[in-house]
């Protein structure tokens, strides 16, 4: 029978960030002021995107709603040309 040799465990890697604000051990570290500024920019972008979606939705509803009051086309009499 062959002996089974165990492989040595791999060396631990650098600590990975676990949260959105936790920075890796090596690399660029942002200050609290920079993190607050980043969060403020993200919130501003999210609000701008939500406002844009709301405007597009409102315009779509207004344009589709105007056709509801005109009635269906199949109920209109056919105009013949002479």
C-alpha atoms as a PDB file:
ATOM      1  CA  UNK A   1       0.000   0.000   0.000  1.00  0.00           C
ATOM      2  CA  UNK A   2       1.077   3.526  -0.744  1.00  0.00           C
ATOM      3  CA  UNK A   3       1.464   6.033   1.997  1.00  0.00           C
ATOM      4  CA  UNK A   4      -0.624   9.163   1.620  1.00  0.00           C
ATOM      5  CA  UNK A   5       1.382  12.277   2.251  1.00  0.00           C
ATOM      6  CA  UNK A   6      -0.428  15.358   3.404  1.00  0.00           C
ATOM      7  CA  UNK A   7       0.314  18.569   1.561  1.00  0.00           C
ATOM      8  CA  UNK A   8       1.372  21.482   3.723  1.00  0.00           C
ATOM      9  CA  UNK A   9      -1.293  24.113   4.188  1.00  0.00           C
ATOM     10  CA  UNK A  10      -0.880  27.129   1.888  1.00  0.00           C
ATOM     11  CA  UNK A  11       0.508  30.288   3.428  1.00  0.00           C
ATOM     12  CA  UNK A  12      -2.192  32.730   4.535  1.00  0.00           C
ATOM     13  CA  UNK A  13      -2.848  35.550   2.097  1.00  0.00           C
ATOM     14  CA  UNK A  14      -3.194  39.229   2.915  1.00  0.00           C
ATOM     15  CA  UNK A  15      -6.364  40.111   4.758  1.00  0.00           C
ATOM     16  CA  UNK A  16      -9.266  40.663   2.347  1.00  0.00           C
ATOM     17  CA  UNK A  17     -11.703  43.541   2.971  1.00  0.00           C
ATOM     18  CA  UNK A  18     -14.923  42.273   4.526  1.00  0.00           C
ATOM     19  CA  UNK A  19     -17.100  45.372   4.299  1.00  0.00           C
ATOM     20  CA  UNK A  20     -17.643  48.181   1.811  1.00  0.00           C
ATOM     21  CA  UNK A  21     -15.663  50.678   3.892  1.00  0.00           C
ATOM     22  CA  UNK A  22     -12.899  48.381   5.115  1.00  0.00           C
ATOM     23  CA  UNK A  23      -9.733  48.872   3.129  1.00  0.00           C
ATOM     24  CA  UNK A  24      -7.182  46.133   2.360  1.00  0.00           C
ATOM     25  CA  UNK A  25      -4.085  45.963   4.524  1.00  0.00           C
ATOM     26  CA  UNK A  26      -1.818  47.071   1.704  1.00  0.00           C
ATOM     27  CA  UNK A  27      -2.568  49.831  -0.777  1.00  0.00           C
ATOM     28  CA  UNK A  28      -4.345  53.163  -0.608  1.00  0.00           C
ATOM     29  CA  UNK A  29      -6.042  54.049   2.642  1.00  0.00           C
ATOM     30  CA  UNK A  30      -8.740  56.705   2.493  1.00  0.00           C
ATOM     31  CA  UNK A  31      -9.262  59.171   5.286  1.00  0.00           C
ATOM     32  CA  UNK A  32     -12.617  59.526   7.031  1.00  0.00           C
ATOM     33  CA  UNK A  33     -13.216  62.761   5.124  1.00  0.00           C
ATOM     34  CA  UNK A  34     -12.593  61.029   1.793  1.00  0.00           C
ATOM     35  CA  UNK A  35     -14.930  58.169   2.734  1.00  0.00           C
ATOM     36  CA  UNK A  36     -17.671  60.659   3.680  1.00  0.00           C
ATOM     37  CA  UNK A  37     -17.169  62.509   0.386  1.00  0.00           C
ATOM     38  CA  UNK A  38     -17.387  59.228  -1.548  1.00  0.00           C
ATOM     39  CA  UNK A  39     -20.611  58.312   0.243  1.00  0.00           C
ATOM     40  CA  UNK A  40     -22.097  61.762  -0.425  1.00  0.00           C
ATOM     41  CA  UNK A  41     -21.247  61.455  -4.134  1.00  0.00           C
ATOM     42  CA  UNK A  42     -22.790  57.984  -4.287  1.00  0.00           C
ATOM     43  CA  UNK A  43     -26.004  59.225  -2.681  1.00  0.00           C
ATOM     44  CA  UNK A  44     -26.146  62.219  -5.072  1.00  0.00           C
ATOM     45  CA  UNK A  45     -25.706  59.924  -8.084  1.00  0.00           C
ATOM     46  CA  UNK A  46     -28.413  57.569  -6.790  1.00  0.00           C
ATOM     47  CA  UNK A  47     -30.850  60.468  -6.282  1.00  0.00           C
ATOM     48  CA  UNK A  48     -30.108  61.867  -9.747  1.00  0.00           C
ATOM     49  CA  UNK A  49     -30.683  58.439 -11.300  1.00  0.00           C
ATOM     50  CA  UNK A  50     -33.958  57.998  -9.407  1.00  0.00           C
ATOM     51  CA  UNK A  51     -35.126  61.471 -10.543  1.00  0.00           C
ATOM     52  CA  UNK A  52     -34.267  60.622 -14.156  1.00  0.00           C
ATOM     53  CA  UNK A  53     -36.217  57.352 -13.969  1.00  0.00           C
ATOM     54  CA  UNK A  54     -39.191  59.195 -12.425  1.00  0.00           C
ATOM     55  CA  UNK A  55     -39.179  61.793 -15.225  1.00  0.00           C
ATOM     56  CA  UNK A  56     -39.026  59.122 -17.935  1.00  0.00           C
ATOM     57  CA  UNK A  57     -41.855  57.208 -16.217  1.00  0.00           C
ATOM     58  CA  UNK A  58     -44.011  60.353 -15.947  1.00  0.00           C
ATOM     59  CA  UNK A  59     -43.449  61.280 -19.603  1.00  0.00           C
ATOM     60  CA  UNK A  60     -44.330  57.733 -20.670  1.00  0.00           C
ATOM     61  CA  UNK A  61     -47.545  57.747 -18.622  1.00  0.00           C
ATOM     62  CA  UNK A  62     -48.568  61.161 -20.015  1.00  0.00           C
ATOM     63  CA  UNK A  63     -47.923  60.129 -23.603  1.00  0.00           C
ATOM     64  CA  UNK A  64     -49.736  56.808 -23.236  1.00  0.00           C
ATOM     65  CA  UNK A  65     -52.553  58.372 -21.218  1.00  0.00           C
ATOM     66  CA  UNK A  66     -53.407  60.845 -23.990  1.00  0.00           C
ATOM     67  CA  UNK A  67     -54.164  57.937 -26.317  1.00  0.00           C
ATOM     68  CA  UNK A  68     -56.613  56.396 -23.837  1.00  0.00           C
ATOM     69  CA  UNK A  69     -59.027  59.331 -24.120  1.00  0.00           C
ATOM     70  CA  UNK A  70     -59.014  59.371 -27.920  1.00  0.00           C
ATOM     71  CA  UNK A  71     -60.735  55.957 -28.010  1.00  0.00           C
ATOM     72  CA  UNK A  72     -59.805  52.864 -29.959  1.00  0.00           C
ATOM     73  CA  UNK A  73     -59.109  53.224 -33.662  1.00  0.00           C
ATOM     74  CA  UNK A  74     -61.432  50.387 -34.647  1.00  0.00           C
ATOM     75  CA  UNK A  75     -64.455  52.411 -33.476  1.00  0.00           C
ATOM     76  CA  UNK A  76     -63.776  55.346 -35.822  1.00  0.00           C
ATOM     77  CA  UNK A  77     -65.563  55.398 -39.175  1.00  0.00           C
ATOM     78  CA  UNK A  78     -63.423  54.818 -42.206  1.00  0.00           C
ATOM     79  CA  UNK A  79     -62.931  57.899 -44.342  1.00  0.00           C
ATOM     80  CA  UNK A  80     -62.965  57.170 -48.021  1.00  0.00           C
ATOM     81  CA  UNK A  81     -61.381  59.408 -50.585  1.00  0.00           C
ATOM     82  CA  UNK A  82     -63.038  60.214 -53.933  1.00  0.00           C
END
